[in-house]
Amino acid sequence: MQSLYDAIFFTSYHLTMALLAPVQRDSLLYWPFLISSLAITVIALAYWQRREKGLNPERFGTRRLWWHRSARADYRLYFVNALVFPAVFGALLFNQHDFAAWLDRLLGYSGHAGEATPIGWKLAYTLVFFVAYDFGRFVAHSMLHDIPVLWEFHKVHHSAEVLTPITAYRAHPVDLLVMAWGGTTAVGLASWGFNHLAGAVVSAYLFLGLHVLVWISNLTGNLRHTPVWITYGAVLGKWLISPAHHQLHHSLESRHLGCNRGFDLAIWDRLYGTLYVPAGPEESFSIGLEDGRDWHTVRQMLLGPFAGAARIIIGRRPENPSAQE
């Protein structure tokens, strides 16, 4: 009976948390970020309506977009992952404090947690945390694209045929784990370095419980997975990743394949040679995968990547190589 009770509690708790994402500060679906996305969309719609007569409203969201077969698959996987990820992979997660503490034990260093740190350390750590977090996610994202076995899992995300904010959650649990490791490891290294230099535990500036720069980034974060075309121009677009940058990341066009892997800073793509700066009017492109599989069932999205990865490991090519490779 205890096992049954635990299972019911686990299922109820995690499904409830998934439904309550709009009131969770660490979620892209937190209500201020949804409101900011809506406000920016309205402004963009007004701009494009002035610029182009006969604008297709589907670019900004209609029932045809939100109830597309691909979008419905996003919704299903969102709730399935809410149960599968913590149940199967939750024990493999760690935060930056755990990683920094592990480095302390490994290298024999112990900071003075009770000491206050000067404001300069706090300001510097706030900036370095953000840069390290962005770099860690870029490295993890590039690994998902460049390592064939990992690409099999990342295909789930790129199989989306339309983009909505929920598409950000269209990811295989292995994909989610790699991305979590990337950001946490980079920030953990930065935290350990600051704690070591300052002789105390250094913390970042927060806004309503969230890193202040991450908060600012999240104001446009949902627009990465929408049809809303917003660029930062040819100059700023070489430094910052706009929503249009990431939309092109999902493109099937040969000139876009593998581009724009960063999340906030474009410098990593520039150094790695994968930056494609969107400038001017919207580019025409299609998204999705051209491998012939049905990627819109939960079974395919969760189990298909394991089959593809197994074929690579035993030395066979995937049955349907993706155009994203």
Protein backbone atom coordinates (compact mmCIF):
# COMPACT_ATOMS: atom_id res chain seq x y z
CA MET A 1 0.00 0.00 0.00
CA GLN A 2 2.88 2.37 0.78
CA SER A 3 4.33 1.88 -2.70
CA LEU A 4 0.95 2.63 -4.28
CA TYR A 5 0.57 5.74 -2.12
CA ASP A 6 4.06 6.92 -3.08
CA ALA A 7 3.32 6.38 -6.78
CA ILE A 8 0.05 8.32 -6.58
CA PHE A 9 1.71 11.14 -4.65
CA PHE A 10 4.64 11.30 -7.12
CA THR A 11 2.34 11.41 -10.14
CA SER A 12 -0.01 13.97 -8.62
CA TYR A 13 2.80 16.20 -7.41
CA HIS A 14 4.74 16.36 -10.67
CA LEU A 15 1.67 16.78 -12.87
CA THR A 16 0.48 19.57 -10.60
CA MET A 17 3.88 21.26 -10.83
CA ALA A 18 3.72 21.03 -14.63
CA LEU A 19 0.29 22.68 -14.61
CA LEU A 20 1.50 25.39 -12.22
CA ALA A 21 4.47 26.43 -14.37
CA PRO A 22 2.99 29.96 -14.84
CA VAL A 23 3.53 30.64 -11.12
CA GLN A 24 7.03 29.14 -10.92
CA ARG A 25 9.78 31.74 -11.13
CA ASP A 26 12.35 29.36 -12.64
CA SER A 27 10.10 28.42 -15.58
CA LEU A 28 10.01 30.10 -18.98
CA LEU A 29 6.24 29.80 -18.64
CA TYR A 30 6.24 32.05 -15.55
CA TRP A 31 3.42 34.55 -16.01
CA PRO A 32 5.59 37.72 -16.33
CA PHE A 33 7.50 36.06 -19.17
CA LEU A 34 4.27 35.03 -20.88
CA ILE A 35 2.94 38.58 -20.57
CA SER A 36 6.16 40.10 -21.93
CA SER A 37 6.06 37.68 -24.87
CA LEU A 38 2.46 38.63 -25.62
CA ALA A 39 3.25 42.35 -25.43
CA ILE A 40 6.24 42.03 -27.75
CA THR A 41 4.15 39.94 -30.15
CA VAL A 42 1.47 42.65 -30.31
CA ILE A 43 4.14 45.26 -31.07
CA ALA A 44 5.71 43.02 -33.71
CA LEU A 45 2.30 42.37 -35.28
CA ALA A 46 1.64 46.11 -35.56
CA TYR A 47 5.06 46.61 -37.15
CA TRP A 48 4.66 43.84 -39.68
CA GLN A 49 1.14 44.92 -40.57
CA ARG A 50 2.47 48.36 -41.46
CA ARG A 51 5.36 46.87 -43.37
CA GLU A 52 3.48 44.15 -45.29
CA LYS A 53 -0.07 44.22 -46.56
CA GLY A 54 -1.92 40.94 -46.44
CA LEU A 55 0.25 39.55 -43.61
CA ASN A 56 -0.51 35.93 -42.79
CA PRO A 57 -1.74 35.94 -39.15
CA GLU A 58 -0.55 32.36 -38.68
CA ARG A 59 2.90 33.80 -38.12
CA PHE A 60 1.66 35.07 -34.76
CA GLY A 61 -0.66 32.30 -33.72
CA THR A 62 -3.97 30.79 -34.81
CA ARG A 63 -5.82 27.62 -33.95
CA ARG A 64 -4.16 26.01 -36.96
CA LEU A 65 -0.78 26.70 -35.33
CA TRP A 66 -1.62 25.94 -31.70
CA TRP A 67 -3.57 22.79 -32.53
CA HIS A 68 -1.20 21.53 -35.21
CA ARG A 69 -0.31 17.84 -34.86
CA SER A 70 3.25 18.82 -33.94
CA ALA A 71 2.05 21.25 -31.28
CA ARG A 72 -0.22 18.60 -29.74
CA ALA A 73 2.79 16.27 -29.57
CA ASP A 74 4.64 19.03 -27.68
CA TYR A 75 1.86 19.19 -25.09
CA ARG A 76 1.82 15.42 -24.59
CA LEU A 77 5.58 15.17 -24.20
CA TYR A 78 5.58 18.11 -21.78
CA PHE A 79 3.42 16.20 -19.31
CA VAL A 80 5.08 12.82 -19.92
CA ASN A 81 8.50 14.35 -19.27
CA ALA A 82 7.16 15.88 -16.07
CA LEU A 83 6.90 12.29 -14.80
CA VAL A 84 9.63 10.44 -16.69
CA PHE A 85 12.49 12.86 -16.17
CA PRO A 86 12.41 13.10 -12.35
CA ALA A 87 11.60 9.39 -12.00
CA VAL A 88 14.38 8.08 -14.28
CA PHE A 89 17.00 10.83 -14.42
CA GLY A 90 16.36 12.96 -11.35
CA ALA A 91 19.08 11.24 -9.33
CA LEU A 92 21.66 12.22 -11.98
CA LEU A 93 21.04 15.94 -11.59
CA PHE A 94 23.21 18.24 -9.50
CA ASN A 95 23.38 22.00 -8.97
CA GLN A 96 26.32 24.39 -9.10
CA HIS A 97 26.68 24.39 -5.32
CA ASP A 98 26.98 20.58 -5.28
CA PHE A 99 29.60 20.76 -8.04
CA ALA A 100 31.58 23.52 -6.29
CA ALA A 101 31.46 21.56 -3.02
CA TRP A 102 32.70 18.45 -4.87
CA LEU A 103 35.66 20.45 -6.21
CA ASP A 104 36.36 21.66 -2.67
CA ARG A 105 36.54 18.08 -1.43
CA LEU A 106 38.58 16.96 -4.43
CA LEU A 107 41.13 19.77 -4.18
CA GLY A 108 41.11 20.11 -0.41
CA TYR A 109 39.84 23.68 -0.27
CA SER A 110 37.19 25.04 2.07
CA GLY A 111 35.91 28.61 1.89
CA HIS A 112 34.58 30.66 4.78
CA ALA A 113 30.85 30.52 4.18
CA GLY A 114 30.03 32.86 7.04
CA GLU A 115 31.96 35.83 5.72
CA ALA A 116 30.29 38.59 3.74
CA THR A 117 31.77 39.45 0.35
CA PRO A 118 32.32 42.96 -1.02
CA ILE A 119 29.84 44.34 -3.53
CA GLY A 120 32.48 44.14 -6.28
CA TRP A 121 32.67 40.37 -5.91
CA LYS A 122 28.90 40.11 -6.07
CA LEU A 123 28.68 42.24 -9.22
CA ALA A 124 31.49 40.32 -10.91
CA TYR A 125 29.99 36.95 -9.98
CA THR A 126 26.57 38.00 -11.30
CA LEU A 127 28.10 38.71 -14.70
CA VAL A 128 30.44 35.70 -14.77
CA PHE A 129 27.63 33.38 -13.67
CA PHE A 130 25.55 34.50 -16.66
CA VAL A 131 28.44 34.17 -19.13
CA ALA A 132 29.44 30.75 -17.75
CA TYR A 133 25.86 29.51 -17.80
CA ASP A 134 25.44 30.61 -21.40
CA PHE A 135 28.76 29.05 -22.41
CA GLY A 136 27.94 25.76 -20.68
CA ARG A 137 24.62 25.52 -22.47
CA PHE A 138 26.28 26.34 -25.80
CA VAL A 139 28.84 23.55 -25.30
CA ALA A 140 26.13 21.07 -24.34
CA HIS A 141 23.95 22.12 -27.29
CA SER A 142 26.88 21.76 -29.70
CA MET A 143 27.61 18.30 -28.34
CA LEU A 144 24.00 17.35 -29.02
CA HIS A 145 24.46 18.43 -32.64
CA ASP A 146 28.00 17.22 -33.30
CA ILE A 147 28.11 13.85 -31.53
CA PRO A 148 26.03 11.42 -33.64
CA VAL A 149 24.75 9.39 -30.68
CA LEU A 150 23.58 12.51 -28.87
CA TRP A 151 22.07 13.95 -32.05
CA GLU A 152 19.68 10.98 -32.13
CA PHE A 153 18.19 12.30 -28.87
CA HIS A 154 18.28 15.96 -29.89
CA LYS A 155 16.35 15.07 -33.07
CA VAL A 156 13.21 15.01 -30.94
CA HIS A 157 13.45 18.76 -30.45
CA HIS A 158 14.19 19.45 -34.12
CA SER A 159 11.31 17.25 -35.25
CA ALA A 160 8.87 20.05 -34.37
CA GLU A 161 7.04 21.25 -37.49
CA VAL A 162 5.63 24.39 -35.85
CA LEU A 163 7.02 26.53 -33.05
CA THR A 164 5.17 27.49 -29.87
CA PRO A 165 6.57 28.24 -26.39
CA ILE A 166 5.86 24.62 -25.41
CA THR A 167 8.26 23.48 -28.16
CA ALA A 168 11.06 24.48 -25.79
CA TYR A 169 9.99 21.47 -23.72
CA ARG A 170 9.86 19.11 -26.71
CA ALA A 171 13.06 17.35 -25.68
CA HIS A 172 14.10 13.80 -24.89
CA PRO A 173 15.04 13.26 -21.22
CA VAL A 174 18.63 12.46 -22.28
CA ASP A 175 18.70 15.80 -24.12
CA LEU A 176 17.42 17.57 -21.00
CA LEU A 177 20.07 15.84 -18.87
CA VAL A 178 22.96 16.85 -21.16
CA MET A 179 21.75 20.45 -21.24
CA ALA A 180 21.39 20.52 -17.45
CA TRP A 181 24.89 19.11 -16.99
CA GLY A 182 26.39 21.68 -19.36
CA GLY A 183 25.03 24.74 -17.61
CA THR A 184 25.54 23.41 -14.09
CA THR A 185 29.14 22.30 -14.70
CA ALA A 186 30.15 25.67 -16.15
CA VAL A 187 28.48 27.63 -13.36
CA GLY A 188 29.86 25.22 -10.75
CA LEU A 189 33.40 25.88 -11.98
CA ALA A 190 32.78 29.63 -11.89
CA SER A 191 31.29 29.39 -8.39
CA TRP A 192 34.21 27.37 -7.10
CA GLY A 193 36.68 29.88 -8.56
CA PHE A 194 34.92 32.85 -6.98
CA ASN A 195 34.54 31.12 -3.62
CA HIS A 196 38.24 30.28 -3.68
CA LEU A 197 39.37 33.81 -4.60
CA ALA A 198 36.97 35.60 -2.27
CA GLY A 199 37.41 33.20 0.64
CA ALA A 200 33.63 33.04 1.04
CA VAL A 201 30.53 31.82 -0.78
CA VAL A 202 29.72 34.43 -3.42
CA SER A 203 26.12 34.85 -4.56
CA ALA A 204 24.59 36.59 -7.57
CA TYR A 205 22.11 39.43 -7.58
CA LEU A 206 18.56 38.15 -7.81
CA PHE A 207 15.29 39.67 -8.98
CA LEU A 208 12.22 38.04 -7.46
CA GLY A 209 14.28 34.96 -6.65
CA LEU A 210 15.88 34.54 -10.09
CA HIS A 211 19.29 35.61 -11.38
CA VAL A 212 18.72 39.16 -12.58
CA LEU A 213 20.32 38.67 -16.03
CA VAL A 214 18.50 35.38 -16.56
CA TRP A 215 15.29 37.23 -15.69
CA ILE A 216 15.98 39.83 -18.38
CA SER A 217 16.81 37.11 -20.90
CA ASN A 218 13.59 35.26 -20.13
CA LEU A 219 11.52 38.29 -21.09
CA THR A 220 12.08 37.29 -24.73
CA GLY A 221 12.90 33.62 -24.12
CA ASN A 222 9.50 32.28 -25.16
CA LEU A 223 9.73 34.05 -28.51
CA ARG A 224 12.57 31.76 -29.61
CA HIS A 225 9.96 29.10 -30.25
CA THR A 226 7.27 31.10 -31.99
CA PRO A 227 6.69 32.37 -35.55
CA VAL A 228 7.27 35.94 -34.30
CA TRP A 229 10.16 37.32 -36.36
CA ILE A 230 12.27 39.60 -34.17
CA THR A 231 15.91 40.40 -34.93
CA TYR A 232 18.46 42.65 -33.24
CA GLY A 233 19.94 43.96 -36.48
CA ALA A 234 23.17 43.20 -38.29
CA VAL A 235 25.47 44.72 -35.65
CA LEU A 236 23.87 43.73 -32.34
CA GLY A 237 23.02 40.35 -33.87
CA LYS A 238 26.74 39.52 -33.86
CA TRP A 239 26.74 39.75 -30.08
CA LEU A 240 23.29 38.70 -28.88
CA ILE A 241 20.99 35.85 -29.91
CA SER A 242 17.58 37.14 -30.98
CA PRO A 243 14.40 35.05 -31.31
CA ALA A 244 14.99 35.02 -35.08
CA HIS A 245 18.46 33.51 -34.54
CA HIS A 246 16.93 30.49 -32.87
CA GLN A 247 14.10 30.18 -35.37
CA LEU A 248 16.75 29.84 -38.09
CA HIS A 249 18.43 27.20 -35.92
CA HIS A 250 15.36 25.05 -36.59
CA SER A 251 15.50 25.67 -40.35
CA LEU A 252 15.95 22.86 -42.88
CA GLU A 253 17.62 25.17 -45.40
CA SER A 254 21.23 24.17 -46.13
CA ARG A 255 22.53 27.65 -45.31
CA HIS A 256 21.04 27.41 -41.81
CA LEU A 257 21.88 23.85 -40.77
CA GLY A 258 23.60 23.70 -37.40
CA CYS A 259 23.67 27.48 -36.99
CA ASN A 260 22.99 29.66 -33.93
CA ARG A 261 23.45 27.19 -31.11
CA GLY A 262 23.78 29.85 -28.42
CA PHE A 263 21.00 31.06 -26.17
CA ASP A 264 21.86 34.65 -25.20
CA LEU A 265 25.39 35.48 -26.34
CA ALA A 266 26.35 35.14 -30.01
CA ILE A 267 30.08 35.23 -29.32
CA TRP A 268 30.28 31.44 -28.89
CA ASP A 269 28.75 30.83 -32.33
CA ARG A 270 31.10 33.41 -33.83
CA LEU A 271 34.13 31.64 -32.36
CA TYR A 272 32.81 28.21 -33.37
CA GLY A 273 31.85 29.27 -36.87
CA THR A 274 28.13 28.58 -36.54
CA LEU A 275 26.74 32.11 -36.35
CA TYR A 276 24.15 33.13 -38.94
CA VAL A 277 22.94 36.68 -38.33
CA PRO A 278 19.34 37.29 -39.39
CA ALA A 279 18.95 40.83 -40.63
CA GLY A 280 16.22 42.65 -42.49
CA PRO A 281 12.92 41.09 -43.61
CA GLU A 282 11.95 37.62 -42.56
CA GLU A 283 13.70 34.78 -44.35
CA SER A 284 11.68 31.99 -45.93
CA PHE A 285 12.42 28.55 -44.50
CA SER A 286 10.75 25.36 -43.33
CA ILE A 287 11.42 23.44 -40.12
CA GLY A 288 11.28 19.82 -39.00
CA LEU A 289 13.09 16.63 -40.01
CA GLU A 290 13.15 14.95 -43.39
CA ASP A 291 13.86 11.41 -42.26
CA GLY A 292 10.48 9.83 -42.97
CA ARG A 293 9.67 8.91 -39.38
CA ASP A 294 6.57 9.83 -37.44
CA TRP A 295 7.99 11.99 -34.65
CA HIS A 296 4.63 13.07 -33.25
CA THR A 297 3.96 10.11 -30.96
CA VAL A 298 5.31 9.92 -27.41
CA ARG A 299 6.54 6.40 -28.08
CA GLN A 300 8.67 7.50 -31.03
CA MET A 301 9.97 10.57 -29.23
CA LEU A 302 11.03 8.59 -26.15
CA LEU A 303 12.11 5.23 -27.60
CA GLY A 304 13.12 6.06 -31.18
CA PRO A 305 16.35 7.85 -30.20
CA PHE A 306 17.58 4.79 -28.28
CA ALA A 307 17.16 2.66 -31.41
CA GLY A 308 19.00 5.24 -33.53
CA ALA A 309 21.80 5.55 -30.98
CA ALA A 310 22.14 1.76 -30.78
CA ARG A 311 22.56 1.52 -34.56
CA ILE A 312 25.38 4.07 -34.41
CA ILE A 313 27.09 2.37 -31.48
CA ILE A 314 27.15 -1.03 -33.22
CA GLY A 315 28.52 0.55 -36.37
CA ARG A 316 25.44 0.91 -38.56
CA ARG A 317 24.27 4.15 -40.12
CA PRO A 318 20.86 5.44 -39.07
CA GLU A 319 18.07 4.21 -41.32
CA ASN A 320 17.05 7.74 -42.21
CA PRO A 321 19.88 10.25 -41.77
CA SER A 322 18.56 13.66 -40.80
CA ALA A 323 19.03 16.74 -42.89
CA GLN A 324 20.20 18.45 -39.71
CA GLU A 325 23.41 16.39 -39.55
